[in-house]
Amino acid sequence: MMRFTGTRCQGCKRRLKVVEMARTNVVNMVDIAKALARPASYTTKYFGYELGEQSKFDEKTGVALVNGAHDTAKLAGLLENFIKKFASVMDAGSREP
């Protein structure tokens, strides 16, 4: 079982990596999505929705872009919210008592 604290997944030892430009490129979105067992397009679209920006995930290249310059701390907070809302809820339903 994986635990998430801050920007780090304890089970997978992955960190959120961001390249800031006019568009923000989440460099390791595919790794994050694999650790969460969710499609990378879901987390990319969630970031765009929460930030009020357009977002795009290219399945062929694995590039995740969100318009605007966003820092790692802000995206890490959004990732925590995504985990609480979607990853934790779905995992909780599949656990045995």
PDB file of N, CA and C in Angstrom:
ATOM      1  N   MET A   1       0.840  -1.180   0.000  1.00  0.00           N
ATOM      2  CA  MET A   1       0.000   0.000   0.000  1.00  0.00           C
ATOM      3  C   MET A   1       0.888   1.247   0.000  1.00  0.00           C
ATOM      4  N   MET A   2       0.475   2.255  -0.755  1.00  0.00           N
ATOM      5  CA  MET A   2       1.248   3.488  -0.851  1.00  0.00           C
ATOM      6  C   MET A   2       0.650   4.556   0.049  1.00  0.00           C
ATOM      7  N   ARG A   3       1.507   5.330   0.681  1.00  0.00           N
ATOM      8  CA  ARG A   3       1.079   6.482   1.472  1.00  0.00           C
ATOM      9  C   ARG A   3       1.649   7.723   0.833  1.00  0.00           C
ATOM     10  N   PHE A   4       0.882   8.797   0.852  1.00  0.00           N
ATOM     11  CA  PHE A   4       1.334  10.047   0.264  1.00  0.00           C
ATOM     12  C   PHE A   4       1.504  11.089   1.354  1.00  0.00           C
ATOM     13  N   THR A   5       2.671  11.698   1.387  1.00  0.00           N
ATOM     14  CA  THR A   5       2.920  12.794   2.314  1.00  0.00           C
ATOM     15  C   THR A   5       3.577  13.917   1.542  1.00  0.00           C
ATOM     16  N   GLY A   6       3.000  15.081   1.602  1.00  0.00           N
ATOM     17  CA  GLY A   6       3.556  16.218   0.878  1.00  0.00           C
ATOM     18  C   GLY A   6       3.597  15.941  -0.607  1.00  0.00           C
ATOM     19  N   THR A   7       4.742  16.128  -1.213  1.00  0.00           N
ATOM     20  CA  THR A   7       4.877  15.894  -2.644  1.00  0.00           C
ATOM     21  C   THR A   7       5.486  14.525  -2.918  1.00  0.00           C
ATOM     22  N   ARG A   8       5.550  13.678  -1.901  1.00  0.00           N
ATOM     23  CA  ARG A   8       6.240  12.415  -2.065  1.00  0.00           C
ATOM     24  C   ARG A   8       5.318  11.225  -1.812  1.00  0.00           C
ATOM     25  N   CYS A   9       5.401  10.246  -2.664  1.00  0.00           N
ATOM     26  CA  CYS A   9       4.671   9.001  -2.504  1.00  0.00           C
ATOM     27  C   CYS A   9       5.611   8.036  -1.793  1.00  0.00           C
ATOM     28  N   GLN A  10       5.246   7.582  -0.603  1.00  0.00           N
ATOM     29  CA  GLN A  10       6.139   6.741   0.192  1.00  0.00           C
ATOM     30  C   GLN A  10       6.404   5.388  -0.463  1.00  0.00           C
ATOM     31  N   GLY A  11       5.404   4.830  -1.141  1.00  0.00           N
ATOM     32  CA  GLY A  11       5.573   3.524  -1.764  1.00  0.00           C
ATOM     33  C   GLY A  11       6.369   3.569  -3.051  1.00  0.00           C
ATOM     34  N   CYS A  12       6.350   4.708  -3.740  1.00  0.00           N
ATOM     35  CA  CYS A  12       6.996   4.758  -5.055  1.00  0.00           C
ATOM     36  C   CYS A  12       8.187   5.714  -5.089  1.00  0.00           C
ATOM     37  N   LYS A  13       8.378   6.499  -4.049  1.00  0.00           N
ATOM     38  CA  LYS A  13       9.496   7.430  -3.939  1.00  0.00           C
ATOM     39  C   LYS A  13       9.554   8.397  -5.118  1.00  0.00           C
ATOM     40  N   ARG A  14       8.392   8.863  -5.567  1.00  0.00           N
ATOM     41  CA  ARG A  14       8.314   9.816  -6.676  1.00  0.00           C
ATOM     42  C   ARG A  14       8.074  11.208  -6.143  1.00  0.00           C
ATOM     43  N   ARG A  15       8.625  12.196  -6.818  1.00  0.00           N
ATOM     44  CA  ARG A  15       8.400  13.597  -6.481  1.00  0.00           C
ATOM     45  C   ARG A  15       7.807  14.300  -7.682  1.00  0.00           C
ATOM     46  N   LEU A  16       7.044  15.330  -7.403  1.00  0.00           N
ATOM     47  CA  LEU A  16       6.469  16.156  -8.457  1.00  0.00           C
ATOM     48  C   LEU A  16       7.577  17.014  -9.040  1.00  0.00           C
ATOM     49  N   LYS A  17       7.797  16.932 -10.354  1.00  0.00           N
ATOM     50  CA  LYS A  17       8.826  17.723 -11.022  1.00  0.00           C
ATOM     51  C   LYS A  17       8.140  18.653 -12.015  1.00  0.00           C
ATOM     52  N   VAL A  18       8.453  19.928 -11.919  1.00  0.00           N
ATOM     53  CA  VAL A  18       7.775  20.939 -12.724  1.00  0.00           C
ATOM     54  C   VAL A  18       8.808  21.801 -13.439  1.00  0.00           C
ATOM     55  N   VAL A  19       8.537  22.124 -14.701  1.00  0.00           N
ATOM     56  CA  VAL A  19       9.335  23.076 -15.468  1.00  0.00           C
ATOM     57  C   VAL A  19       8.431  24.265 -15.748  1.00  0.00           C
ATOM     58  N   GLU A  20       8.797  25.457 -15.222  1.00  0.00           N
ATOM     59  CA  GLU A  20       7.963  26.641 -15.387  1.00  0.00           C
ATOM     60  C   GLU A  20       8.332  27.402 -16.655  1.00  0.00           C
ATOM     61  N   MET A  21       7.315  27.750 -17.431  1.00  0.00           N
ATOM     62  CA  MET A  21       7.455  28.561 -18.640  1.00  0.00           C
ATOM     63  C   MET A  21       6.132  29.314 -18.770  1.00  0.00           C
ATOM     64  N   ALA A  22       5.805  29.776 -19.984  1.00  0.00           N
ATOM     65  CA  ALA A  22       4.481  30.340 -20.229  1.00  0.00           C
ATOM     66  C   ALA A  22       3.453  29.240 -20.023  1.00  0.00           C
ATOM     67  N   ARG A  23       3.901  28.010 -20.212  1.00  0.00           N
ATOM     68  CA  ARG A  23       3.117  26.829 -19.875  1.00  0.00           C
ATOM     69  C   ARG A  23       3.922  26.046 -18.851  1.00  0.00           C
ATOM     70  N   THR A  24       3.232  25.412 -17.950  1.00  0.00           N
ATOM     71  CA  THR A  24       3.915  24.590 -16.955  1.00  0.00           C
ATOM     72  C   THR A  24       3.902  23.146 -17.438  1.00  0.00           C
ATOM     73  N   ASN A  25       5.060  22.537 -17.490  1.00  0.00           N
ATOM     74  CA  ASN A  25       5.212  21.148 -17.914  1.00  0.00           C
ATOM     75  C   ASN A  25       5.463  20.299 -16.678  1.00  0.00           C
ATOM     76  N   VAL A  26       4.543  19.400 -16.364  1.00  0.00           N
ATOM     77  CA  VAL A  26       4.747  18.468 -15.257  1.00  0.00           C
ATOM     78  C   VAL A  26       5.505  17.286 -15.846  1.00  0.00           C
ATOM     79  N   VAL A  27       6.792  17.284 -15.623  1.00  0.00           N
ATOM     80  CA  VAL A  27       7.710  16.367 -16.286  1.00  0.00           C
ATOM     81  C   VAL A  27       7.414  14.906 -15.969  1.00  0.00           C
ATOM     82  N   ASN A  28       7.063  14.598 -14.742  1.00  0.00           N
ATOM     83  CA  ASN A  28       6.883  13.200 -14.342  1.00  0.00           C
ATOM     84  C   ASN A  28       5.415  12.842 -14.102  1.00  0.00           C
ATOM     85  N   MET A  29       4.505  13.409 -14.869  1.00  0.00           N
ATOM     86  CA  MET A  29       3.083  13.134 -14.693  1.00  0.00           C
ATOM     87  C   MET A  29       2.755  11.656 -14.915  1.00  0.00           C
ATOM     88  N   VAL A  30       3.421  11.009 -15.850  1.00  0.00           N
ATOM     89  CA  VAL A  30       3.171   9.589 -16.119  1.00  0.00           C
ATOM     90  C   VAL A  30       3.541   8.756 -14.893  1.00  0.00           C
ATOM     91  N   ASP A  31       4.670   9.055 -14.256  1.00  0.00           N
ATOM     92  CA  ASP A  31       5.086   8.327 -13.053  1.00  0.00           C
ATOM     93  C   ASP A  31       4.105   8.550 -11.903  1.00  0.00           C
ATOM     94  N   ILE A  32       3.649   9.784 -11.750  1.00  0.00           N
ATOM     95  CA  ILE A  32       2.686  10.104 -10.694  1.00  0.00           C
ATOM     96  C   ILE A  32       1.396   9.339 -10.925  1.00  0.00           C
ATOM     97  N   ALA A  33       0.926   9.336 -12.164  1.00  0.00           N
ATOM     98  CA  ALA A  33      -0.317   8.643 -12.495  1.00  0.00           C
ATOM     99  C   ALA A  33      -0.204   7.139 -12.245  1.00  0.00           C
ATOM    100  N   LYS A  34       0.933   6.572 -12.585  1.00  0.00           N
ATOM    101  CA  LYS A  34       1.144   5.143 -12.328  1.00  0.00           C
ATOM    102  C   LYS A  34       1.107   4.853 -10.832  1.00  0.00           C
ATOM    103  N   ALA A  35       1.724   5.713 -10.039  1.00  0.00           N
ATOM    104  CA  ALA A  35       1.733   5.527  -8.589  1.00  0.00           C
ATOM    105  C   ALA A  35       0.324   5.626  -8.007  1.00  0.00           C
ATOM    106  N   LEU A  36      -0.510   6.460  -8.618  1.00  0.00           N
ATOM    107  CA  LEU A  36      -1.889   6.626  -8.154  1.00  0.00           C
ATOM    108  C   LEU A  36      -2.845   5.630  -8.799  1.00  0.00           C
ATOM    109  N   ALA A  37      -2.386   4.894  -9.778  1.00  0.00           N
ATOM    110  CA  ALA A  37      -3.219   3.960 -10.543  1.00  0.00           C
ATOM    111  C   ALA A  37      -4.395   4.684 -11.198  1.00  0.00           C
ATOM    112  N   ARG A  38      -4.090   5.856 -11.767  1.00  0.00           N
ATOM    113  CA  ARG A  38      -5.072   6.670 -12.480  1.00  0.00           C
ATOM    114  C   ARG A  38      -4.448   7.122 -13.799  1.00  0.00           C
ATOM    115  N   PRO A  39      -5.251   7.397 -14.815  1.00  0.00           N
ATOM    116  CA  PRO A  39      -4.686   7.923 -16.060  1.00  0.00           C
ATOM    117  C   PRO A  39      -4.048   9.299 -15.851  1.00  0.00           C
ATOM    118  N   ALA A  40      -2.953   9.553 -16.520  1.00  0.00           N
ATOM    119  CA  ALA A  40      -2.257  10.838 -16.401  1.00  0.00           C
ATOM    120  C   ALA A  40      -3.128  11.986 -16.894  1.00  0.00           C
ATOM    121  N   SER A  41      -4.013  11.709 -17.830  1.00  0.00           N
ATOM    122  CA  SER A  41      -4.903  12.760 -18.335  1.00  0.00           C
ATOM    123  C   SER A  41      -5.844  13.259 -17.238  1.00  0.00           C
ATOM    124  N   TYR A  42      -6.212  12.401 -16.283  1.00  0.00           N
ATOM    125  CA  TYR A  42      -7.102  12.812 -15.187  1.00  0.00           C
ATOM    126  C   TYR A  42      -6.437  13.864 -14.308  1.00  0.00           C
ATOM    127  N   THR A  43      -5.202  13.603 -13.892  1.00  0.00           N
ATOM    128  CA  THR A  43      -4.516  14.557 -13.014  1.00  0.00           C
ATOM    129  C   THR A  43      -4.192  15.845 -13.763  1.00  0.00           C
ATOM    130  N   THR A  44      -3.845  15.745 -15.040  1.00  0.00           N
ATOM    131  CA  THR A  44      -3.560  16.932 -15.836  1.00  0.00           C
ATOM    132  C   THR A  44      -4.803  17.806 -15.965  1.00  0.00           C
ATOM    133  N   LYS A  45      -5.938  17.197 -16.293  1.00  0.00           N
ATOM    134  CA  LYS A  45      -7.192  17.951 -16.419  1.00  0.00           C
ATOM    135  C   LYS A  45      -7.610  18.536 -15.076  1.00  0.00           C
ATOM    136  N   TYR A  46      -7.385  17.808 -13.994  1.00  0.00           N
ATOM    137  CA  TYR A  46      -7.714  18.316 -12.658  1.00  0.00           C
ATOM    138  C   TYR A  46      -6.905  19.579 -12.359  1.00  0.00           C
ATOM    139  N   PHE A  47      -5.610  19.552 -12.663  1.00  0.00           N
ATOM    140  CA  PHE A  47      -4.780  20.738 -12.448  1.00  0.00           C
ATOM    141  C   PHE A  47      -5.332  21.921 -13.238  1.00  0.00           C
ATOM    142  N   GLY A  48      -5.634  21.700 -14.506  1.00  0.00           N
ATOM    143  CA  GLY A  48      -6.161  22.778 -15.345  1.00  0.00           C
ATOM    144  C   GLY A  48      -7.472  23.324 -14.810  1.00  0.00           C
ATOM    145  N   TYR A  49      -8.364  22.441 -14.386  1.00  0.00           N
ATOM    146  CA  TYR A  49      -9.665  22.857 -13.864  1.00  0.00           C
ATOM    147  C   TYR A  49      -9.504  23.688 -12.593  1.00  0.00           C
ATOM    148  N   GLU A  50      -8.705  23.213 -11.668  1.00  0.00           N
ATOM    149  CA  GLU A  50      -8.517  23.899 -10.385  1.00  0.00           C
ATOM    150  C   GLU A  50      -7.804  25.237 -10.548  1.00  0.00           C
ATOM    151  N   LEU A  51      -6.921  25.344 -11.538  1.00  0.00           N
ATOM    152  CA  LEU A  51      -6.179  26.580 -11.760  1.00  0.00           C
ATOM    153  C   LEU A  51      -6.904  27.533 -12.707  1.00  0.00           C
ATOM    154  N   GLY A  52      -7.982  27.079 -13.315  1.00  0.00           N
ATOM    155  CA  GLY A  52      -8.708  27.912 -14.268  1.00  0.00           C
ATOM    156  C   GLY A  52      -7.932  28.128 -15.552  1.00  0.00           C
ATOM    157  N   GLU A  53      -7.145  27.149 -15.924  1.00  0.00           N
ATOM    158  CA  GLU A  53      -6.296  27.228 -17.122  1.00  0.00           C
ATOM    159  C   GLU A  53      -6.580  26.045 -18.032  1.00  0.00           C
ATOM    160  N   GLN A  54      -6.230  26.197 -19.296  1.00  0.00           N
ATOM    161  CA  GLN A  54      -6.327  25.073 -20.208  1.00  0.00           C
ATOM    162  C   GLN A  54      -5.181  24.115 -19.914  1.00  0.00           C
ATOM    163  N   SER A  55      -5.451  22.831 -20.098  1.00  0.00           N
ATOM    164  CA  SER A  55      -4.409  21.831 -19.881  1.00  0.00           C
ATOM    165  C   SER A  55      -4.482  20.798 -20.990  1.00  0.00           C
ATOM    166  N   LYS A  56      -3.364  20.105 -21.174  1.00  0.00           N
ATOM    167  CA  LYS A  56      -3.287  19.131 -22.252  1.00  0.00           C
ATOM    168  C   LYS A  56      -2.322  18.025 -21.852  1.00  0.00           C
ATOM    169  N   PHE A  57      -2.730  16.786 -22.096  1.00  0.00           N
ATOM    170  CA  PHE A  57      -1.822  15.660 -21.899  1.00  0.00           C
ATOM    171  C   PHE A  57      -1.712  14.908 -23.212  1.00  0.00           C
ATOM    172  N   ASP A  58      -0.498  14.745 -23.700  1.00  0.00           N
ATOM    173  CA  ASP A  58      -0.246  14.021 -24.940  1.00  0.00           C
ATOM    174  C   ASP A  58       0.102  12.575 -24.604  1.00  0.00           C
ATOM    175  N   GLU A  59      -0.775  11.656 -24.979  1.00  0.00           N
ATOM    176  CA  GLU A  59      -0.587  10.228 -24.676  1.00  0.00           C
ATOM    177  C   GLU A  59       0.668   9.659 -25.351  1.00  0.00           C
ATOM    178  N   LYS A  60       0.981  10.130 -26.541  1.00  0.00           N
ATOM    179  CA  LYS A  60       2.116   9.578 -27.289  1.00  0.00           C
ATOM    180  C   LYS A  60       3.453   9.948 -26.669  1.00  0.00           C
ATOM    181  N   THR A  61       3.592  11.208 -26.263  1.00  0.00           N
ATOM    182  CA  THR A  61       4.876  11.680 -25.733  1.00  0.00           C
ATOM    183  C   THR A  61       4.924  11.705 -24.209  1.00  0.00           C
ATOM    184  N   GLY A  62       3.774  11.667 -23.558  1.00  0.00           N
ATOM    185  CA  GLY A  62       3.732  11.722 -22.099  1.00  0.00           C
ATOM    186  C   GLY A  62       3.930  13.124 -21.551  1.00  0.00           C
ATOM    187  N   VAL A  63       3.723  14.145 -22.386  1.00  0.00           N
ATOM    188  CA  VAL A  63       3.908  15.533 -21.969  1.00  0.00           C
ATOM    189  C   VAL A  63       2.611  16.066 -21.378  1.00  0.00           C
ATOM    190  N   ALA A  64       2.695  16.615 -20.160  1.00  0.00           N
ATOM    191  CA  ALA A  64       1.548  17.209 -19.476  1.00  0.00           C
ATOM    192  C   ALA A  64       1.784  18.712 -19.361  1.00  0.00           C
ATOM    193  N   LEU A  65       0.926  19.504 -20.001  1.00  0.00           N
ATOM    194  CA  LEU A  65       1.076  20.956 -20.002  1.00  0.00           C
ATOM    195  C   LEU A  65      -0.150  21.619 -19.388  1.00  0.00           C
ATOM    196  N   VAL A  66       0.112  22.644 -18.565  1.00  0.00           N
ATOM    197  CA  VAL A  66      -0.943  23.493 -18.014  1.00  0.00           C
ATOM    198  C   VAL A  66      -0.541  24.925 -18.352  1.00  0.00           C
ATOM    199  N   ASN A  67      -1.438  25.675 -18.976  1.00  0.00           N
ATOM    200  CA  ASN A  67      -1.120  27.059 -19.332  1.00  0.00           C
ATOM    201  C   ASN A  67      -0.818  27.874 -18.084  1.00  0.00           C
ATOM    202  N   GLY A  68       0.127  28.825 -18.215  1.00  0.00           N
ATOM    203  CA  GLY A  68       0.517  29.684 -17.108  1.00  0.00           C
ATOM    204  C   GLY A  68       1.715  29.129 -16.368  1.00  0.00           C
ATOM    205  N   ALA A  69       2.373  29.997 -15.621  1.00  0.00           N
ATOM    206  CA  ALA A  69       3.530  29.596 -14.816  1.00  0.00           C
ATOM    207  C   ALA A  69       3.054  29.288 -13.407  1.00  0.00           C
ATOM    208  N   HIS A  70       3.173  28.045 -12.993  1.00  0.00           N
ATOM    209  CA  HIS A  70       2.720  27.607 -11.678  1.00  0.00           C
ATOM    210  C   HIS A  70       3.881  26.930 -10.957  1.00  0.00           C
ATOM    211  N   ASP A  71       4.067  27.264  -9.701  1.00  0.00           N
ATOM    212  CA  ASP A  71       5.198  26.699  -8.970  1.00  0.00           C
ATOM    213  C   ASP A  71       4.876  25.305  -8.438  1.00  0.00           C
ATOM    214  N   THR A  72       5.919  24.604  -8.075  1.00  0.00           N
ATOM    215  CA  THR A  72       5.809  23.226  -7.614  1.00  0.00           C
ATOM    216  C   THR A  72       4.949  23.113  -6.367  1.00  0.00           C
ATOM    217  N   ALA A  73       5.071  24.064  -5.444  1.00  0.00           N
ATOM    218  CA  ALA A  73       4.304  24.007  -4.197  1.00  0.00           C
ATOM    219  C   ALA A  73       2.800  24.062  -4.468  1.00  0.00           C
ATOM    220  N   LYS A  74       2.401  24.909  -5.390  1.00  0.00           N
ATOM    221  CA  LYS A  74       0.979  25.035  -5.720  1.00  0.00           C
ATOM    222  C   LYS A  74       0.456  23.733  -6.335  1.00  0.00           C
ATOM    223  N   LEU A  75       1.216  23.172  -7.276  1.00  0.00           N
ATOM    224  CA  LEU A  75       0.796  21.928  -7.913  1.00  0.00           C
ATOM    225  C   LEU A  75       0.838  20.750  -6.943  1.00  0.00           C
ATOM    226  N   ALA A  76       1.783  20.774  -6.022  1.00  0.00           N
ATOM    227  CA  ALA A  76       1.848  19.714  -5.016  1.00  0.00           C
ATOM    228  C   ALA A  76       0.605  19.736  -4.130  1.00  0.00           C
ATOM    229  N   GLY A  77       0.150  20.931  -3.781  1.00  0.00           N
ATOM    230  CA  GLY A  77      -1.081  21.057  -3.006  1.00  0.00           C
ATOM    231  C   GLY A  77      -2.285  20.541  -3.772  1.00  0.00           C
ATOM    232  N   LEU A  78      -2.336  20.850  -5.062  1.00  0.00           N
ATOM    233  CA  LEU A  78      -3.427  20.339  -5.897  1.00  0.00           C
ATOM    234  C   LEU A  78      -3.365  18.823  -6.026  1.00  0.00           C
ATOM    235  N   LEU A  79      -2.160  18.280  -6.106  1.00  0.00           N
ATOM    236  CA  LEU A  79      -2.010  16.830  -6.177  1.00  0.00           C
ATOM    237  C   LEU A  79      -2.521  16.182  -4.896  1.00  0.00           C
ATOM    238  N   GLU A  80      -2.215  16.779  -3.754  1.00  0.00           N
ATOM    239  CA  GLU A  80      -2.735  16.266  -2.472  1.00  0.00           C
ATOM    240  C   GLU A  80      -4.260  16.270  -2.476  1.00  0.00           C
ATOM    241  N   ASN A  81      -4.862  17.360  -2.980  1.00  0.00           N
ATOM    242  CA  ASN A  81      -6.322  17.436  -3.057  1.00  0.00           C
ATOM    243  C   ASN A  81      -6.881  16.362  -3.982  1.00  0.00           C
ATOM    244  N   PHE A  82      -6.221  16.130  -5.108  1.00  0.00           N
ATOM    245  CA  PHE A  82      -6.651  15.090  -6.045  1.00  0.00           C
ATOM    246  C   PHE A  82      -6.620  13.730  -5.359  1.00  0.00           C
ATOM    247  N   ILE A  83      -5.556  13.468  -4.623  1.00  0.00           N
ATOM    248  CA  ILE A  83      -5.422  12.181  -3.927  1.00  0.00           C
ATOM    249  C   ILE A  83      -6.539  12.025  -2.899  1.00  0.00           C
ATOM    250  N   LYS A  84      -6.800  13.072  -2.118  1.00  0.00           N
ATOM    251  CA  LYS A  84      -7.850  13.003  -1.100  1.00  0.00           C
ATOM    252  C   LYS A  84      -9.228  12.808  -1.713  1.00  0.00           C
ATOM    253  N   LYS A  85      -9.497  13.521  -2.816  1.00  0.00           N
ATOM    254  CA  LYS A  85     -10.832  13.467  -3.429  1.00  0.00           C
ATOM    255  C   LYS A  85     -11.064  12.203  -4.247  1.00  0.00           C
ATOM    256  N   PHE A  86     -10.073  11.771  -4.994  1.00  0.00           N
ATOM    257  CA  PHE A  86     -10.301  10.718  -5.970  1.00  0.00           C
ATOM    258  C   PHE A  86      -9.536   9.428  -5.704  1.00  0.00           C
ATOM    259  N   ALA A  87      -8.265   9.505  -5.392  1.00  0.00           N
ATOM    260  CA  ALA A  87      -7.479   8.284  -5.193  1.00  0.00           C
ATOM    261  C   ALA A  87      -7.819   7.622  -3.875  1.00  0.00           C
ATOM    262  N   SER A  88      -7.903   8.378  -2.795  1.00  0.00           N
ATOM    263  CA  SER A  88      -8.189   7.799  -1.486  1.00  0.00           C
ATOM    264  C   SER A  88      -9.607   7.252  -1.405  1.00  0.00           C
ATOM    265  N   VAL A  89     -10.558   7.969  -1.984  1.00  0.00           N
ATOM    266  CA  VAL A  89     -11.952   7.556  -1.931  1.00  0.00           C
ATOM    267  C   VAL A  89     -12.151   6.240  -2.666  1.00  0.00           C
ATOM    268  N   MET A  90     -11.559   6.120  -3.828  1.00  0.00           N
ATOM    269  CA  MET A  90     -11.715   4.884  -4.607  1.00  0.00           C
ATOM    270  C   MET A  90     -10.989   3.724  -3.953  1.00  0.00           C
ATOM    271  N   ASP A  91      -9.829   3.969  -3.353  1.00  0.00           N
ATOM    272  CA  ASP A  91      -9.091   2.907  -2.670  1.00  0.00           C
ATOM    273  C   ASP A  91      -9.826   2.464  -1.416  1.00  0.00           C
ATOM    274  N   ALA A  92     -10.455   3.381  -0.718  1.00  0.00           N
ATOM    275  CA  ALA A  92     -11.172   3.053   0.512  1.00  0.00           C
ATOM    276  C   ALA A  92     -12.340   2.117   0.223  1.00  0.00           C
ATOM    277  N   GLY A  93     -12.980   2.281  -0.924  1.00  0.00           N
ATOM    278  CA  GLY A  93     -14.101   1.441  -1.280  1.00  0.00           C
ATOM    279  C   GLY A  93     -13.703   0.024  -1.615  1.00  0.00           C
ATOM    280  N   SER A  94     -12.438  -0.199  -1.976  1.00  0.00           N
ATOM    281  CA  SER A  94     -11.988  -1.520  -2.357  1.00  0.00           C
ATOM    282  C   SER A  94     -11.319  -2.293  -1.212  1.00  0.00           C
ATOM    283  N   ARG A  95     -11.188  -1.661  -0.060  1.00  0.00           N
ATOM    284  CA  ARG A  95     -10.538  -2.325   1.075  1.00  0.00           C
ATOM    285  C   ARG A  95     -11.493  -3.296   1.750  1.00  0.00           C
ATOM    286  N   GLU A  96     -10.921  -4.350   2.267  1.00  0.00           N
ATOM    287  CA  GLU A  96     -11.729  -5.299   3.027  1.00  0.00           C
ATOM    288  C   GLU A  96     -11.733  -4.867   4.485  1.00  0.00           C
ATOM    289  N   PRO A  97     -12.842  -5.143   5.211  1.00  0.00           N
ATOM    290  CA  PRO A  97     -12.901  -4.730   6.624  1.00  0.00           C
ATOM    291  C   PRO A  97     -11.946  -5.490   7.506  1.00  0.00           C
TER     292      PRO A  97
END
